[in-house]
Structures are given as structure tokens and as C-alpha cells.
């Protein structure tokens, strides 16, 4: 069955870094655009970063531009989110999302990121 398994979350101090990973299985990963979303307590789920199926195109929320980098390894069926210069406002549950036009989309279960001193 389809699985998106996020890892790499945790507690980090402001200014620190984390690298999230999302391992995919059960579908043709290389044909899907991949994204990271996040949802803070009491907030709506918002797009953080997205990458095209080939990795040739990326986009970011304004709030994370210059600090976060999304990448993917189609040979490993994995998408990454490198997060640097983390701020308390980055505290949220981070979700991996896979999408392809005219196909079902998939969500991971989420990983908690907490930025606090």
C-alpha cells in the first residue's frame, strides 16, 4: 500500500537546523510532485515548499525562502527538507504530500518540529 513516512523532526533551539526526510513507497515516486506542508497548533495547514517530479523546479513560501531547501532523490524514493535558521514560528507538524495530475494524492502522518529555547 501507499506509504509516506516522515522523519527527522524534533526539538531544536532558535537558529538551529533540522533535516526532514519523507520516504515513499507503493506508488511511482518519480512521476509525482512532492511538497512539504505544515500545521501549527490552532492554524491551517500551509504549503512550505514544493518540488517537481524531476526536481528541476521548486517553490517556497515567503516565510521560509532563503532558510529552507527542498530536494529529492528519485533513486531512493525520498524527498527532503533542509531547514536552517529555525525560528519559533516554524514550530508545527510537518507533512509530506505527493501529487500527480489525474491521480490520487497522498499524505504522510506528519512529524513534529518544535523550535524553542
C-alpha atoms as a PDB file:
ATOM      1  CA  UNK A   1       0.000   0.000   0.000  1.00  0.00           C
ATOM      2  CA  UNK A   2       0.995   3.639  -0.334  1.00  0.00           C
ATOM      3  CA  UNK A   3       3.162   4.996   2.443  1.00  0.00           C
ATOM      4  CA  UNK A   4       4.789   8.351   3.080  1.00  0.00           C
ATOM      5  CA  UNK A   5       6.893   8.188   6.215  1.00  0.00           C
ATOM      6  CA  UNK A   6       8.363  11.406   7.574  1.00  0.00           C
ATOM      7  CA  UNK A   7      11.313  11.509   9.928  1.00  0.00           C
ATOM      8  CA  UNK A   8      13.847  13.971  11.283  1.00  0.00           C
ATOM      9  CA  UNK A   9      11.624  16.166  13.402  1.00  0.00           C
ATOM     10  CA  UNK A  10      12.396  17.103  16.965  1.00  0.00           C
ATOM     11  CA  UNK A  11      13.233  19.895  19.371  1.00  0.00           C
ATOM     12  CA  UNK A  12      15.774  22.486  18.255  1.00  0.00           C
ATOM     13  CA  UNK A  13      16.871  25.865  19.558  1.00  0.00           C
ATOM     14  CA  UNK A  14      16.211  29.050  17.592  1.00  0.00           C
ATOM     15  CA  UNK A  15      18.838  29.449  14.909  1.00  0.00           C
ATOM     16  CA  UNK A  16      19.368  25.722  14.670  1.00  0.00           C
ATOM     17  CA  UNK A  17      18.858  23.311  11.792  1.00  0.00           C
ATOM     18  CA  UNK A  18      16.922  20.147  11.064  1.00  0.00           C
ATOM     19  CA  UNK A  19      16.637  17.925   8.023  1.00  0.00           C
ATOM     20  CA  UNK A  20      13.320  16.237   7.399  1.00  0.00           C
ATOM     21  CA  UNK A  21      13.030  13.158   5.223  1.00  0.00           C
ATOM     22  CA  UNK A  22       9.985  11.558   3.650  1.00  0.00           C
ATOM     23  CA  UNK A  23      10.361   8.007   2.376  1.00  0.00           C
ATOM     24  CA  UNK A  24       7.764   6.977  -0.183  1.00  0.00           C
ATOM     25  CA  UNK A  25       6.557   3.551  -1.241  1.00  0.00           C
ATOM     26  CA  UNK A  26       3.615   1.959  -3.008  1.00  0.00           C
ATOM     27  CA  UNK A  27       3.424   4.380  -5.945  1.00  0.00           C
ATOM     28  CA  UNK A  28       5.628   5.647  -8.751  1.00  0.00           C
ATOM     29  CA  UNK A  29       7.512   8.321  -6.821  1.00  0.00           C
ATOM     30  CA  UNK A  30       9.392   9.762  -9.790  1.00  0.00           C
ATOM     31  CA  UNK A  31       6.179  10.821 -11.529  1.00  0.00           C
ATOM     32  CA  UNK A  32       4.791  12.773  -8.572  1.00  0.00           C
ATOM     33  CA  UNK A  33       5.430  16.340  -7.491  1.00  0.00           C
ATOM     34  CA  UNK A  34       6.281  16.401  -3.809  1.00  0.00           C
ATOM     35  CA  UNK A  35       5.574  19.036  -1.211  1.00  0.00           C
ATOM     36  CA  UNK A  36       6.035  19.789   2.444  1.00  0.00           C
ATOM     37  CA  UNK A  37       3.166  21.351   4.362  1.00  0.00           C
ATOM     38  CA  UNK A  38       2.981  22.362   7.983  1.00  0.00           C
ATOM     39  CA  UNK A  39       0.271  22.979  10.518  1.00  0.00           C
ATOM     40  CA  UNK A  40       0.809  24.913  13.716  1.00  0.00           C
ATOM     41  CA  UNK A  41      -1.480  24.482  16.734  1.00  0.00           C
ATOM     42  CA  UNK A  42      -4.773  26.212  16.014  1.00  0.00           C
ATOM     43  CA  UNK A  43      -3.676  27.071  12.498  1.00  0.00           C
ATOM     44  CA  UNK A  44      -4.438  25.905   8.992  1.00  0.00           C
ATOM     45  CA  UNK A  45      -2.228  23.590   7.009  1.00  0.00           C
ATOM     46  CA  UNK A  46       0.032  25.671   4.775  1.00  0.00           C
ATOM     47  CA  UNK A  47       2.404  24.931   1.928  1.00  0.00           C
ATOM     48  CA  UNK A  48       6.055  25.247   2.902  1.00  0.00           C
ATOM     49  CA  UNK A  49       7.883  24.046  -0.201  1.00  0.00           C
ATOM     50  CA  UNK A  50       7.261  22.046  -3.359  1.00  0.00           C
ATOM     51  CA  UNK A  51       9.412  20.292  -5.926  1.00  0.00           C
ATOM     52  CA  UNK A  52       8.551  18.966  -9.375  1.00  0.00           C
ATOM     53  CA  UNK A  53       8.767  15.299 -10.276  1.00  0.00           C
ATOM     54  CA  UNK A  54      12.208  15.697 -11.833  1.00  0.00           C
ATOM     55  CA  UNK A  55      13.486  18.105  -9.202  1.00  0.00           C
ATOM     56  CA  UNK A  56      14.001  20.799 -11.802  1.00  0.00           C
ATOM     57  CA  UNK A  57      11.536  23.240 -10.303  1.00  0.00           C
ATOM     58  CA  UNK A  58      10.977  24.326  -6.728  1.00  0.00           C
ATOM     59  CA  UNK A  59       8.879  26.884  -4.901  1.00  0.00           C
ATOM     60  CA  UNK A  60       8.757  28.151  -1.345  1.00  0.00           C
ATOM     61  CA  UNK A  61       6.508  30.025   0.987  1.00  0.00           C
ATOM     62  CA  UNK A  62       7.765  33.564   1.505  1.00  0.00           C
ATOM     63  CA  UNK A  63       8.238  32.862   5.199  1.00  0.00           C
ATOM     64  CA  UNK A  64      10.894  30.198   4.548  1.00  0.00           C
ATOM     65  CA  UNK A  65      12.669  31.496   1.436  1.00  0.00           C
ATOM     66  CA  UNK A  66      16.405  31.588   1.933  1.00  0.00           C
ATOM     67  CA  UNK A  67      16.223  29.337   5.004  1.00  0.00           C
ATOM     68  CA  UNK A  68      14.652  26.073   3.778  1.00  0.00           C
ATOM     69  CA  UNK A  69      15.657  23.898   0.844  1.00  0.00           C
ATOM     70  CA  UNK A  70      13.583  21.112  -0.665  1.00  0.00           C
ATOM     71  CA  UNK A  71      15.257  18.339  -2.618  1.00  0.00           C
ATOM     72  CA  UNK A  72      14.535  14.817  -3.776  1.00  0.00           C
ATOM     73  CA  UNK A  73      16.332  11.609  -4.668  1.00  0.00           C
ATOM     74  CA  UNK A  74      14.213   9.615  -7.090  1.00  0.00           C
ATOM     75  CA  UNK A  75      16.574   6.646  -6.818  1.00  0.00           C
ATOM     76  CA  UNK A  76      15.813   6.463  -3.095  1.00  0.00           C
ATOM     77  CA  UNK A  77      12.137   7.477  -3.343  1.00  0.00           C
ATOM     78  CA  UNK A  78      12.801  10.185  -0.792  1.00  0.00           C
ATOM     79  CA  UNK A  79      12.156  13.900  -0.500  1.00  0.00           C
ATOM     80  CA  UNK A  80      13.993  16.130   1.952  1.00  0.00           C
ATOM     81  CA  UNK A  81      13.501  19.468   3.624  1.00  0.00           C
ATOM     82  CA  UNK A  82      16.633  21.128   4.952  1.00  0.00           C
ATOM     83  CA  UNK A  83      15.627  23.747   7.491  1.00  0.00           C
ATOM     84  CA  UNK A  84      18.185  26.298   8.647  1.00  0.00           C
ATOM     85  CA  UNK A  85      17.964  29.384  10.862  1.00  0.00           C
ATOM     86  CA  UNK A  86      14.876  27.978  12.504  1.00  0.00           C
ATOM     87  CA  UNK A  87      12.524  30.321  14.331  1.00  0.00           C
ATOM     88  CA  UNK A  88       9.862  29.662  16.981  1.00  0.00           C
ATOM     89  CA  UNK A  89       7.249  30.446  14.300  1.00  0.00           C
ATOM     90  CA  UNK A  90       8.440  27.363  12.407  1.00  0.00           C
ATOM     91  CA  UNK A  91       7.043  25.168  15.174  1.00  0.00           C
ATOM     92  CA  UNK A  92       4.441  22.890  13.595  1.00  0.00           C
ATOM     93  CA  UNK A  93       3.678  19.389  12.449  1.00  0.00           C
ATOM     94  CA  UNK A  94       5.296  18.939   9.046  1.00  0.00           C
ATOM     95  CA  UNK A  95       3.592  16.765   6.451  1.00  0.00           C
ATOM     96  CA  UNK A  96       4.826  15.226   3.233  1.00  0.00           C
ATOM     97  CA  UNK A  97       2.436  15.321   0.253  1.00  0.00           C
ATOM     98  CA  UNK A  98       2.563  13.604  -3.134  1.00  0.00           C
ATOM     99  CA  UNK A  99       0.516  14.724  -6.119  1.00  0.00           C
ATOM    100  CA  UNK A 100       0.172  13.913  -9.781  1.00  0.00           C
ATOM    101  CA  UNK A 101      -2.408  15.285 -12.180  1.00  0.00           C
ATOM    102  CA  UNK A 102      -5.428  12.977 -12.600  1.00  0.00           C
ATOM    103  CA  UNK A 103      -4.112  10.594  -9.944  1.00  0.00           C
ATOM    104  CA  UNK A 104      -4.864  10.193  -6.234  1.00  0.00           C
ATOM    105  CA  UNK A 105      -2.811  12.298  -3.877  1.00  0.00           C
ATOM    106  CA  UNK A 106      -1.166  11.062  -0.694  1.00  0.00           C
ATOM    107  CA  UNK A 107      -0.296  12.472   2.727  1.00  0.00           C
ATOM    108  CA  UNK A 108       2.187  11.334   5.324  1.00  0.00           C
ATOM    109  CA  UNK A 109       1.388  11.079   9.022  1.00  0.00           C
ATOM    110  CA  UNK A 110       3.461  14.123   9.972  1.00  0.00           C
ATOM    111  CA  UNK A 111       6.497  14.826  12.102  1.00  0.00           C
ATOM    112  CA  UNK A 112       6.652  17.379  14.914  1.00  0.00           C
ATOM    113  CA  UNK A 113       9.147  20.227  14.738  1.00  0.00           C
ATOM    114  CA  UNK A 114       9.493  22.370  17.839  1.00  0.00           C
ATOM    115  CA  UNK A 115      11.743  25.433  17.898  1.00  0.00           C
ATOM    116  CA  UNK A 116      12.273  26.649  21.423  1.00  0.00           C
ATOM    117  CA  UNK A 117      14.998  27.679  23.819  1.00  0.00           C
END
